[in-house]
């Protein structure tokens, strides 16, 4: 988990230094959304889409691009891991609760954006995926400050865990792994 916390701090700093007004949580949410919405793991078209939505269509600076590529690769590995190893790229647990809560909201907003870029037909989605997406919509609109107490900490942890598990559910249902791509029979004409 400390890897994603470290990544959050480094990538957020690089984004800030390059005047890109999103943080690492939102970037990670967008990436997870695209992957969970059906973008193939081996796709590289996501870099242009990410630049469009985060940097007004300008290519991401190399320092940012390299860190985002590392985060993308780490995320793909976590999605393919059989023990639900996905960790959300969020501030460290020692950060103020409202900072972590706002980062989670940004992460979920990013997820919804990325998911929408690759999945706009929910007709064939399971009820569980539809419910998770509705819950994500509700989470993305939250903006109340939280008390810095044990009850709020527990509630934030539970929401973070719900988001993490729901993302894995979406990916398992709609995501495209490299293995899935190679085992799908190709039609010959």
N, C-alpha and C. Protein backbone atom coordinates (compact mmCIF):
# COMPACT_ATOMS: atom_id res chain seq x y z
N UNK A 1 0.82 -1.19 0.00
CA UNK A 1 0.00 0.00 0.00
C UNK A 1 0.87 1.25 0.00
N UNK A 2 2.01 1.21 0.62
CA UNK A 2 2.87 2.39 0.67
C UNK A 2 3.34 2.78 -0.73
N UNK A 3 3.39 1.83 -1.67
CA UNK A 3 3.77 2.16 -3.03
C UNK A 3 2.79 3.15 -3.65
N UNK A 4 1.48 2.91 -3.47
CA UNK A 4 0.51 3.83 -4.06
C UNK A 4 0.49 5.16 -3.31
N UNK A 5 0.72 5.14 -2.00
CA UNK A 5 0.80 6.40 -1.26
C UNK A 5 1.98 7.22 -1.76
N UNK A 6 3.11 6.57 -1.94
CA UNK A 6 4.31 7.24 -2.45
C UNK A 6 4.05 7.76 -3.86
N UNK A 7 3.41 6.93 -4.69
CA UNK A 7 3.05 7.33 -6.05
C UNK A 7 2.12 8.52 -6.03
N UNK A 8 1.14 8.52 -5.12
CA UNK A 8 0.20 9.63 -5.00
C UNK A 8 0.96 10.94 -4.76
N UNK A 9 1.86 10.92 -3.79
CA UNK A 9 2.61 12.14 -3.45
C UNK A 9 3.48 12.61 -4.61
N UNK A 10 4.23 11.69 -5.21
CA UNK A 10 5.13 12.04 -6.31
C UNK A 10 4.38 12.55 -7.53
N UNK A 11 3.36 11.81 -7.95
CA UNK A 11 2.62 12.19 -9.15
C UNK A 11 1.85 13.48 -8.92
N UNK A 12 1.24 13.65 -7.76
CA UNK A 12 0.52 14.89 -7.47
C UNK A 12 1.47 16.08 -7.52
N UNK A 13 2.68 15.91 -6.98
CA UNK A 13 3.67 16.99 -7.03
C UNK A 13 4.07 17.30 -8.47
N UNK A 14 4.29 16.27 -9.28
CA UNK A 14 4.67 16.48 -10.69
C UNK A 14 3.54 17.18 -11.45
N UNK A 15 2.31 16.78 -11.20
CA UNK A 15 1.17 17.42 -11.86
C UNK A 15 1.09 18.89 -11.47
N UNK A 16 1.25 19.16 -10.19
CA UNK A 16 1.21 20.53 -9.68
C UNK A 16 2.34 21.38 -10.29
N UNK A 17 3.53 20.83 -10.34
CA UNK A 17 4.68 21.56 -10.90
C UNK A 17 4.48 21.90 -12.37
N UNK A 18 3.68 21.09 -13.06
CA UNK A 18 3.43 21.31 -14.48
C UNK A 18 2.08 21.98 -14.74
N UNK A 19 1.50 22.57 -13.67
CA UNK A 19 0.24 23.32 -13.77
C UNK A 19 -0.92 22.50 -14.34
N UNK A 20 -0.94 21.22 -14.00
CA UNK A 20 -2.06 20.36 -14.37
C UNK A 20 -2.94 20.25 -13.14
N UNK A 21 -4.21 20.65 -13.28
CA UNK A 21 -5.05 20.89 -12.11
C UNK A 21 -5.78 19.67 -11.56
N UNK A 22 -5.31 18.48 -11.85
CA UNK A 22 -5.86 17.27 -11.23
C UNK A 22 -4.77 16.67 -10.34
N UNK A 23 -5.18 15.77 -9.45
CA UNK A 23 -4.18 15.10 -8.63
C UNK A 23 -4.06 13.64 -9.04
N UNK A 24 -3.17 12.93 -8.40
CA UNK A 24 -2.91 11.53 -8.75
C UNK A 24 -4.14 10.67 -8.53
N UNK A 25 -4.96 10.99 -7.54
CA UNK A 25 -6.17 10.19 -7.28
C UNK A 25 -7.09 10.24 -8.49
N UNK A 26 -7.31 11.43 -9.03
CA UNK A 26 -8.20 11.55 -10.17
C UNK A 26 -7.62 10.86 -11.41
N UNK A 27 -6.31 10.98 -11.62
CA UNK A 27 -5.65 10.30 -12.74
C UNK A 27 -5.84 8.79 -12.60
N UNK A 28 -5.59 8.25 -11.41
CA UNK A 28 -5.74 6.82 -11.18
C UNK A 28 -7.20 6.40 -11.39
N UNK A 29 -8.13 7.21 -10.92
CA UNK A 29 -9.54 6.91 -11.13
C UNK A 29 -9.89 6.83 -12.61
N UNK A 30 -9.38 7.78 -13.40
CA UNK A 30 -9.63 7.78 -14.85
C UNK A 30 -9.08 6.49 -15.47
N UNK A 31 -7.84 6.15 -15.12
CA UNK A 31 -7.22 4.93 -15.67
C UNK A 31 -8.03 3.69 -15.30
N UNK A 32 -8.41 3.58 -14.02
CA UNK A 32 -9.20 2.42 -13.58
C UNK A 32 -10.56 2.39 -14.27
N UNK A 33 -11.15 3.56 -14.47
CA UNK A 33 -12.44 3.64 -15.16
C UNK A 33 -12.34 3.17 -16.60
N UNK A 34 -11.28 3.61 -17.30
CA UNK A 34 -11.11 3.18 -18.68
C UNK A 34 -10.92 1.67 -18.76
N UNK A 35 -10.07 1.14 -17.88
CA UNK A 35 -9.81 -0.31 -17.88
C UNK A 35 -11.07 -1.09 -17.49
N UNK A 36 -11.81 -0.60 -16.51
CA UNK A 36 -13.01 -1.29 -16.05
C UNK A 36 -14.15 -1.17 -17.06
N UNK A 37 -14.08 -0.14 -17.90
CA UNK A 37 -15.10 0.06 -18.91
C UNK A 37 -14.87 -0.73 -20.18
N UNK A 38 -13.73 -1.41 -20.27
CA UNK A 38 -13.50 -2.27 -21.41
C UNK A 38 -12.29 -1.94 -22.27
N UNK A 39 -11.52 -0.94 -21.88
CA UNK A 39 -10.31 -0.65 -22.64
C UNK A 39 -9.32 -1.80 -22.45
N UNK A 40 -8.78 -2.35 -23.53
CA UNK A 40 -7.82 -3.45 -23.38
C UNK A 40 -6.58 -3.03 -22.58
N UNK A 41 -6.07 -3.94 -21.78
CA UNK A 41 -4.90 -3.65 -20.94
C UNK A 41 -3.69 -3.21 -21.76
N UNK A 42 -3.55 -3.77 -22.95
CA UNK A 42 -2.37 -3.45 -23.75
C UNK A 42 -2.55 -2.18 -24.58
N UNK A 43 -3.69 -1.54 -24.50
CA UNK A 43 -3.96 -0.32 -25.24
C UNK A 43 -3.01 0.80 -24.80
N UNK A 44 -2.62 1.62 -25.72
CA UNK A 44 -1.82 2.81 -25.39
C UNK A 44 -2.53 4.09 -25.80
N UNK A 45 -3.76 3.95 -26.31
CA UNK A 45 -4.51 5.13 -26.73
C UNK A 45 -4.98 5.97 -25.53
N UNK A 46 -4.89 5.41 -24.35
CA UNK A 46 -5.35 6.11 -23.16
C UNK A 46 -4.54 7.36 -22.87
N UNK A 47 -3.29 7.40 -23.28
CA UNK A 47 -2.44 8.56 -22.98
C UNK A 47 -3.00 9.82 -23.63
N UNK A 48 -3.48 9.72 -24.88
CA UNK A 48 -4.06 10.88 -25.55
C UNK A 48 -5.38 11.29 -24.89
N UNK A 49 -6.20 10.31 -24.55
CA UNK A 49 -7.46 10.60 -23.89
C UNK A 49 -7.22 11.28 -22.54
N UNK A 50 -6.22 10.80 -21.82
CA UNK A 50 -5.88 11.38 -20.52
C UNK A 50 -5.41 12.82 -20.68
N UNK A 51 -4.58 13.07 -21.69
CA UNK A 51 -4.11 14.44 -21.96
C UNK A 51 -5.29 15.35 -22.32
N UNK A 52 -6.24 14.80 -23.08
CA UNK A 52 -7.42 15.60 -23.46
C UNK A 52 -8.20 16.06 -22.24
N UNK A 53 -8.43 15.15 -21.30
CA UNK A 53 -9.30 15.49 -20.17
C UNK A 53 -8.56 16.15 -19.00
N UNK A 54 -7.25 16.04 -18.96
CA UNK A 54 -6.52 16.61 -17.81
C UNK A 54 -5.62 17.78 -18.17
N UNK A 55 -5.23 17.90 -19.44
CA UNK A 55 -4.26 18.91 -19.83
C UNK A 55 -4.69 19.65 -21.09
N UNK A 56 -6.00 19.83 -21.24
CA UNK A 56 -6.57 20.58 -22.36
C UNK A 56 -6.03 20.15 -23.71
N UNK A 57 -5.84 18.86 -23.88
CA UNK A 57 -5.42 18.32 -25.16
C UNK A 57 -3.93 18.37 -25.42
N UNK A 58 -3.19 19.05 -24.56
CA UNK A 58 -1.73 19.12 -24.71
C UNK A 58 -1.12 17.81 -24.20
N UNK A 59 -0.07 17.35 -24.87
CA UNK A 59 0.62 16.15 -24.41
C UNK A 59 1.13 16.37 -22.99
N UNK A 60 1.08 15.32 -22.20
CA UNK A 60 1.60 15.42 -20.83
C UNK A 60 3.11 15.57 -20.88
N UNK A 61 3.68 16.40 -20.02
CA UNK A 61 5.14 16.53 -19.96
C UNK A 61 5.77 15.17 -19.64
N UNK A 62 6.99 14.95 -20.12
CA UNK A 62 7.66 13.66 -19.95
C UNK A 62 7.72 13.20 -18.49
N UNK A 63 8.00 14.12 -17.57
CA UNK A 63 8.10 13.74 -16.16
C UNK A 63 6.78 13.18 -15.66
N UNK A 64 5.68 13.79 -16.10
CA UNK A 64 4.35 13.33 -15.71
C UNK A 64 4.02 12.04 -16.45
N UNK A 65 4.28 12.01 -17.75
CA UNK A 65 3.95 10.86 -18.59
C UNK A 65 4.61 9.59 -18.06
N UNK A 66 5.88 9.68 -17.67
CA UNK A 66 6.59 8.51 -17.16
C UNK A 66 5.97 7.99 -15.87
N UNK A 67 5.60 8.90 -14.98
CA UNK A 67 4.98 8.47 -13.72
C UNK A 67 3.60 7.88 -13.95
N UNK A 68 2.85 8.47 -14.87
CA UNK A 68 1.52 7.95 -15.18
C UNK A 68 1.64 6.56 -15.81
N UNK A 69 2.63 6.38 -16.67
CA UNK A 69 2.84 5.07 -17.29
C UNK A 69 3.18 4.02 -16.23
N UNK A 70 4.00 4.38 -15.25
CA UNK A 70 4.30 3.46 -14.14
C UNK A 70 3.03 3.10 -13.37
N UNK A 71 2.21 4.12 -13.09
CA UNK A 71 0.96 3.90 -12.36
C UNK A 71 0.03 3.00 -13.18
N UNK A 72 -0.05 3.24 -14.48
CA UNK A 72 -0.88 2.42 -15.36
C UNK A 72 -0.42 0.96 -15.33
N UNK A 73 0.87 0.74 -15.48
CA UNK A 73 1.40 -0.63 -15.48
C UNK A 73 1.15 -1.33 -14.15
N UNK A 74 1.35 -0.61 -13.04
CA UNK A 74 1.10 -1.17 -11.72
C UNK A 74 -0.39 -1.52 -11.58
N UNK A 75 -1.26 -0.66 -12.08
CA UNK A 75 -2.70 -0.90 -12.01
C UNK A 75 -3.09 -2.12 -12.81
N UNK A 76 -2.55 -2.26 -14.02
CA UNK A 76 -2.84 -3.43 -14.85
C UNK A 76 -2.43 -4.71 -14.13
N UNK A 77 -1.26 -4.69 -13.51
CA UNK A 77 -0.81 -5.88 -12.76
C UNK A 77 -1.76 -6.19 -11.62
N UNK A 78 -2.21 -5.16 -10.92
CA UNK A 78 -3.13 -5.37 -9.80
C UNK A 78 -4.46 -5.92 -10.28
N UNK A 79 -4.95 -5.44 -11.41
CA UNK A 79 -6.21 -5.96 -11.95
C UNK A 79 -6.09 -7.43 -12.32
N UNK A 80 -4.92 -7.83 -12.82
CA UNK A 80 -4.73 -9.21 -13.24
C UNK A 80 -4.41 -10.15 -12.08
N UNK A 81 -4.03 -9.61 -10.95
CA UNK A 81 -3.73 -10.42 -9.77
C UNK A 81 -5.01 -11.11 -9.31
N UNK A 82 -4.92 -12.37 -8.97
CA UNK A 82 -6.12 -13.14 -8.61
C UNK A 82 -6.63 -12.87 -7.20
N UNK A 83 -5.88 -12.14 -6.38
CA UNK A 83 -6.36 -11.93 -5.01
C UNK A 83 -6.84 -10.51 -4.75
N UNK A 84 -7.45 -9.89 -5.77
CA UNK A 84 -8.07 -8.56 -5.62
C UNK A 84 -7.11 -7.56 -4.99
N UNK A 85 -5.93 -7.42 -5.58
CA UNK A 85 -4.85 -6.64 -5.00
C UNK A 85 -4.92 -5.14 -5.32
N UNK A 86 -5.95 -4.70 -6.02
CA UNK A 86 -6.03 -3.29 -6.40
C UNK A 86 -5.96 -2.39 -5.16
N UNK A 87 -5.08 -1.40 -5.22
CA UNK A 87 -5.05 -0.37 -4.18
C UNK A 87 -5.30 0.97 -4.85
N UNK A 88 -6.13 1.77 -4.24
CA UNK A 88 -6.45 3.08 -4.78
C UNK A 88 -5.30 4.03 -4.51
N UNK A 89 -4.99 4.86 -5.47
CA UNK A 89 -3.91 5.84 -5.34
C UNK A 89 -4.47 7.06 -4.61
N UNK A 90 -4.30 7.07 -3.31
CA UNK A 90 -4.86 8.11 -2.43
C UNK A 90 -3.79 8.57 -1.45
N UNK A 91 -4.04 9.70 -0.77
CA UNK A 91 -3.08 10.15 0.24
C UNK A 91 -2.90 9.12 1.35
N UNK A 92 -1.77 9.19 2.00
CA UNK A 92 -1.43 8.32 3.12
C UNK A 92 -2.47 8.45 4.23
N UNK A 93 -2.65 7.37 4.99
CA UNK A 93 -3.60 7.36 6.10
C UNK A 93 -3.32 8.44 7.15
N UNK A 94 -2.10 8.96 7.18
CA UNK A 94 -1.75 10.00 8.15
C UNK A 94 -2.22 11.39 7.68
N UNK A 95 -2.62 11.51 6.42
CA UNK A 95 -3.10 12.80 5.91
C UNK A 95 -4.43 13.14 6.59
N UNK A 96 -4.76 14.42 6.68
CA UNK A 96 -6.05 14.81 7.30
C UNK A 96 -7.23 14.11 6.62
N UNK A 97 -8.22 13.76 7.42
CA UNK A 97 -9.35 12.97 6.91
C UNK A 97 -10.06 13.67 5.76
N UNK A 98 -10.21 14.99 5.82
CA UNK A 98 -10.91 15.69 4.75
C UNK A 98 -10.10 15.68 3.45
N UNK A 99 -8.79 15.69 3.56
CA UNK A 99 -7.94 15.58 2.37
C UNK A 99 -8.11 14.20 1.73
N UNK A 100 -8.16 13.17 2.54
CA UNK A 100 -8.36 11.81 2.03
C UNK A 100 -9.76 11.65 1.44
N UNK A 101 -10.74 12.24 2.12
CA UNK A 101 -12.12 12.17 1.62
C UNK A 101 -12.28 12.88 0.28
N UNK A 102 -11.69 14.07 0.15
CA UNK A 102 -11.76 14.80 -1.12
C UNK A 102 -11.02 14.05 -2.22
N UNK A 103 -9.90 13.44 -1.88
CA UNK A 103 -9.15 12.66 -2.87
C UNK A 103 -9.98 11.47 -3.35
N UNK A 104 -10.70 10.82 -2.43
CA UNK A 104 -11.56 9.70 -2.81
C UNK A 104 -12.68 10.18 -3.74
N UNK A 105 -13.27 11.32 -3.44
CA UNK A 105 -14.31 11.87 -4.30
C UNK A 105 -13.73 12.16 -5.69
N UNK A 106 -12.54 12.75 -5.74
CA UNK A 106 -11.87 13.00 -7.03
C UNK A 106 -11.58 11.71 -7.76
N UNK A 107 -11.16 10.68 -7.01
CA UNK A 107 -10.87 9.38 -7.60
C UNK A 107 -12.13 8.82 -8.26
N UNK A 108 -13.25 8.87 -7.54
CA UNK A 108 -14.52 8.33 -8.05
C UNK A 108 -14.98 9.14 -9.26
N UNK A 109 -14.84 10.47 -9.21
CA UNK A 109 -15.21 11.29 -10.36
C UNK A 109 -14.36 10.91 -11.58
N UNK A 110 -13.07 10.70 -11.35
CA UNK A 110 -12.19 10.27 -12.43
C UNK A 110 -12.61 8.92 -12.98
N UNK A 111 -12.97 8.00 -12.09
CA UNK A 111 -13.41 6.68 -12.52
C UNK A 111 -14.63 6.80 -13.43
N UNK A 112 -15.60 7.59 -13.01
CA UNK A 112 -16.82 7.75 -13.81
C UNK A 112 -16.50 8.32 -15.19
N UNK A 113 -15.60 9.27 -15.24
CA UNK A 113 -15.18 9.85 -16.52
C UNK A 113 -14.52 8.80 -17.40
N UNK A 114 -13.53 8.09 -16.85
CA UNK A 114 -12.81 7.07 -17.62
C UNK A 114 -13.72 5.94 -18.05
N UNK A 115 -14.62 5.53 -17.17
CA UNK A 115 -15.56 4.45 -17.48
C UNK A 115 -16.45 4.87 -18.65
N UNK A 116 -16.94 6.11 -18.61
CA UNK A 116 -17.81 6.62 -19.66
C UNK A 116 -17.13 6.72 -21.01
N UNK A 117 -15.82 6.89 -21.01
CA UNK A 117 -15.08 6.95 -22.28
C UNK A 117 -15.09 5.60 -23.01
N UNK A 118 -15.26 4.51 -22.27
CA UNK A 118 -15.18 3.17 -22.88
C UNK A 118 -16.44 2.34 -22.73
N UNK A 119 -17.40 2.82 -21.98
CA UNK A 119 -18.61 2.02 -21.76
C UNK A 119 -19.79 2.97 -21.67
N UNK A 120 -20.59 3.00 -22.72
CA UNK A 120 -21.75 3.88 -22.67
C UNK A 120 -23.06 3.12 -22.79
N UNK A 121 -22.99 1.80 -22.83
CA UNK A 121 -24.20 0.98 -22.91
C UNK A 121 -24.23 0.04 -21.71
N UNK A 122 -25.07 0.37 -20.74
CA UNK A 122 -25.14 -0.42 -19.51
C UNK A 122 -26.24 -1.48 -19.57
N UNK A 123 -26.88 -1.64 -20.73
CA UNK A 123 -28.00 -2.58 -20.85
C UNK A 123 -27.60 -3.99 -20.45
N UNK A 124 -26.42 -4.42 -20.88
CA UNK A 124 -26.00 -5.80 -20.60
C UNK A 124 -25.20 -5.95 -19.31
N UNK A 125 -25.04 -4.88 -18.57
CA UNK A 125 -24.31 -4.94 -17.29
C UNK A 125 -25.18 -5.61 -16.23
N UNK A 126 -24.52 -6.26 -15.30
CA UNK A 126 -25.25 -6.87 -14.19
C UNK A 126 -25.86 -5.79 -13.30
N UNK A 127 -26.84 -6.18 -12.52
CA UNK A 127 -27.45 -5.25 -11.57
C UNK A 127 -26.42 -4.75 -10.57
N UNK A 128 -25.44 -5.61 -10.21
CA UNK A 128 -24.40 -5.21 -9.25
C UNK A 128 -23.55 -4.07 -9.81
N UNK A 129 -23.19 -4.16 -11.09
CA UNK A 129 -22.40 -3.09 -11.71
C UNK A 129 -23.23 -1.82 -11.80
N UNK A 130 -24.48 -1.93 -12.21
CA UNK A 130 -25.35 -0.75 -12.30
C UNK A 130 -25.49 -0.08 -10.93
N UNK A 131 -25.66 -0.89 -9.90
CA UNK A 131 -25.80 -0.35 -8.54
C UNK A 131 -24.51 0.33 -8.10
N UNK A 132 -23.37 -0.29 -8.38
CA UNK A 132 -22.08 0.31 -8.02
C UNK A 132 -21.91 1.65 -8.71
N UNK A 133 -22.25 1.73 -9.98
CA UNK A 133 -22.11 2.99 -10.72
C UNK A 133 -23.04 4.06 -10.16
N UNK A 134 -24.24 3.66 -9.75
CA UNK A 134 -25.15 4.63 -9.12
C UNK A 134 -24.57 5.11 -7.79
N UNK A 135 -24.02 4.18 -7.02
CA UNK A 135 -23.39 4.56 -5.75
C UNK A 135 -22.20 5.49 -6.00
N UNK A 136 -21.41 5.21 -7.05
CA UNK A 136 -20.28 6.07 -7.39
C UNK A 136 -20.77 7.47 -7.73
N UNK A 137 -21.88 7.55 -8.44
CA UNK A 137 -22.45 8.85 -8.77
C UNK A 137 -22.80 9.61 -7.50
N UNK A 138 -23.38 8.91 -6.53
CA UNK A 138 -23.71 9.54 -5.25
C UNK A 138 -22.45 9.96 -4.50
N UNK A 139 -21.44 9.10 -4.47
CA UNK A 139 -20.19 9.42 -3.78
C UNK A 139 -19.53 10.64 -4.42
N UNK A 140 -19.57 10.73 -5.74
CA UNK A 140 -18.89 11.83 -6.44
C UNK A 140 -19.50 13.18 -6.12
N UNK A 141 -20.73 13.19 -5.61
CA UNK A 141 -21.39 14.46 -5.27
C UNK A 141 -21.27 14.82 -3.79
N UNK A 142 -20.63 13.98 -3.01
CA UNK A 142 -20.48 14.27 -1.58
C UNK A 142 -19.51 15.43 -1.40
N UNK A 143 -19.80 16.30 -0.45
CA UNK A 143 -18.86 17.39 -0.20
C UNK A 143 -18.87 17.87 1.25
N UNK A 144 -19.50 17.12 2.10
CA UNK A 144 -19.53 17.49 3.52
C UNK A 144 -18.17 17.24 4.15
N UNK A 145 -17.76 18.18 5.00
CA UNK A 145 -16.54 17.96 5.76
C UNK A 145 -16.81 16.87 6.79
N UNK A 146 -15.78 16.09 7.05
CA UNK A 146 -15.91 14.99 8.01
C UNK A 146 -15.24 15.39 9.32
N UNK A 147 -15.78 14.87 10.39
CA UNK A 147 -15.16 15.07 11.70
C UNK A 147 -13.91 14.22 11.78
N UNK A 148 -12.93 14.71 12.49
CA UNK A 148 -11.70 13.94 12.65
C UNK A 148 -11.84 13.05 13.89
N UNK A 149 -12.69 12.01 13.74
CA UNK A 149 -12.91 11.09 14.86
C UNK A 149 -12.93 9.65 14.33
N UNK A 150 -12.99 8.73 15.26
CA UNK A 150 -12.90 7.31 14.90
C UNK A 150 -14.07 6.87 14.03
N UNK A 151 -15.25 7.39 14.30
CA UNK A 151 -16.43 7.01 13.52
C UNK A 151 -16.28 7.44 12.05
N UNK A 152 -15.78 8.65 11.83
CA UNK A 152 -15.57 9.14 10.47
C UNK A 152 -14.46 8.35 9.77
N UNK A 153 -13.41 8.02 10.51
CA UNK A 153 -12.32 7.21 9.95
C UNK A 153 -12.85 5.86 9.47
N UNK A 154 -13.69 5.25 10.31
CA UNK A 154 -14.26 3.96 9.96
C UNK A 154 -15.16 4.08 8.73
N UNK A 155 -15.97 5.12 8.68
CA UNK A 155 -16.87 5.33 7.55
C UNK A 155 -16.08 5.55 6.26
N UNK A 156 -15.02 6.35 6.33
CA UNK A 156 -14.20 6.60 5.15
C UNK A 156 -13.54 5.30 4.68
N UNK A 157 -13.01 4.53 5.62
CA UNK A 157 -12.39 3.26 5.26
C UNK A 157 -13.40 2.35 4.56
N UNK A 158 -14.62 2.28 5.10
CA UNK A 158 -15.64 1.41 4.51
C UNK A 158 -16.01 1.86 3.10
N UNK A 159 -16.11 3.16 2.88
CA UNK A 159 -16.42 3.66 1.54
C UNK A 159 -15.26 3.37 0.58
N UNK A 160 -14.02 3.57 1.05
CA UNK A 160 -12.85 3.27 0.21
C UNK A 160 -12.83 1.79 -0.17
N UNK A 161 -13.12 0.93 0.77
CA UNK A 161 -13.12 -0.50 0.49
C UNK A 161 -14.26 -0.87 -0.45
N UNK A 162 -15.41 -0.27 -0.27
CA UNK A 162 -16.53 -0.51 -1.17
C UNK A 162 -16.17 -0.09 -2.60
N UNK A 163 -15.54 1.07 -2.74
CA UNK A 163 -15.12 1.56 -4.06
C UNK A 163 -14.13 0.57 -4.67
N UNK A 164 -13.15 0.15 -3.90
CA UNK A 164 -12.11 -0.76 -4.41
C UNK A 164 -12.73 -2.07 -4.91
N UNK A 165 -13.60 -2.67 -4.10
CA UNK A 165 -14.23 -3.94 -4.48
C UNK A 165 -15.16 -3.74 -5.68
N UNK A 166 -15.88 -2.63 -5.72
CA UNK A 166 -16.79 -2.35 -6.83
C UNK A 166 -16.03 -2.16 -8.14
N UNK A 167 -14.87 -1.53 -8.06
CA UNK A 167 -14.04 -1.36 -9.26
C UNK A 167 -13.59 -2.72 -9.78
N UNK A 168 -13.18 -3.59 -8.88
CA UNK A 168 -12.79 -4.94 -9.29
C UNK A 168 -13.97 -5.67 -9.92
N UNK A 169 -15.17 -5.50 -9.38
CA UNK A 169 -16.37 -6.09 -9.94
C UNK A 169 -16.58 -5.60 -11.37
N UNK A 170 -16.49 -4.29 -11.57
CA UNK A 170 -16.66 -3.71 -12.91
C UNK A 170 -15.61 -4.26 -13.87
N UNK A 171 -14.36 -4.31 -13.42
CA UNK A 171 -13.30 -4.81 -14.29
C UNK A 171 -13.52 -6.28 -14.63
N UNK A 172 -13.88 -7.08 -13.64
CA UNK A 172 -14.08 -8.51 -13.87
C UNK A 172 -15.23 -8.77 -14.84
N UNK A 173 -16.22 -7.87 -14.86
CA UNK A 173 -17.35 -8.05 -15.76
C UNK A 173 -17.11 -7.45 -17.14
N UNK A 174 -16.47 -6.28 -17.21
CA UNK A 174 -16.38 -5.56 -18.47
C UNK A 174 -14.96 -5.37 -19.00
N UNK A 175 -13.96 -5.53 -18.13
CA UNK A 175 -12.58 -5.30 -18.53
C UNK A 175 -12.09 -6.34 -19.50
N UNK A 176 -11.05 -5.98 -20.23
CA UNK A 176 -10.48 -6.90 -21.23
C UNK A 176 -9.03 -7.17 -20.89
N UNK A 177 -8.77 -8.39 -20.49
CA UNK A 177 -7.40 -8.77 -20.18
C UNK A 177 -6.69 -9.21 -21.44
N UNK A 178 -5.38 -9.22 -21.39
CA UNK A 178 -4.59 -9.67 -22.53
C UNK A 178 -4.91 -11.13 -22.86
N UNK A 179 -5.11 -11.96 -21.82
CA UNK A 179 -5.44 -13.37 -22.04
C UNK A 179 -6.78 -13.50 -22.75
N UNK A 180 -7.75 -12.71 -22.33
CA UNK A 180 -9.07 -12.75 -22.93
C UNK A 180 -8.99 -12.37 -24.41
N UNK A 181 -8.16 -11.38 -24.71
CA UNK A 181 -7.99 -10.94 -26.09
C UNK A 181 -7.41 -12.04 -26.96
N UNK A 182 -6.47 -12.82 -26.42
CA UNK A 182 -5.81 -13.84 -27.23
C UNK A 182 -6.63 -15.13 -27.31
N UNK A 183 -7.53 -15.36 -26.37
CA UNK A 183 -8.30 -16.60 -26.41
C UNK A 183 -9.61 -16.43 -27.17
N UNK A 184 -9.98 -15.21 -27.51
CA UNK A 184 -11.19 -14.99 -28.28
C UNK A 184 -10.94 -15.44 -29.72
N UNK A 185 -11.77 -16.38 -30.23
CA UNK A 185 -11.53 -16.85 -31.58
C UNK A 185 -11.74 -15.73 -32.60
N UNK A 186 -10.87 -15.64 -33.52
CA UNK A 186 -10.97 -14.64 -34.57
C UNK A 186 -11.66 -15.30 -35.77
N UNK A 187 -12.58 -14.57 -36.36
CA UNK A 187 -13.26 -15.13 -37.52
C UNK A 187 -12.38 -15.01 -38.76
N UNK A 188 -12.41 -16.04 -39.58
CA UNK A 188 -11.61 -16.04 -40.80
C UNK A 188 -12.56 -15.95 -41.97
N UNK A 189 -12.26 -15.03 -42.85
CA UNK A 189 -13.13 -14.85 -44.02
C UNK A 189 -12.50 -15.38 -45.26
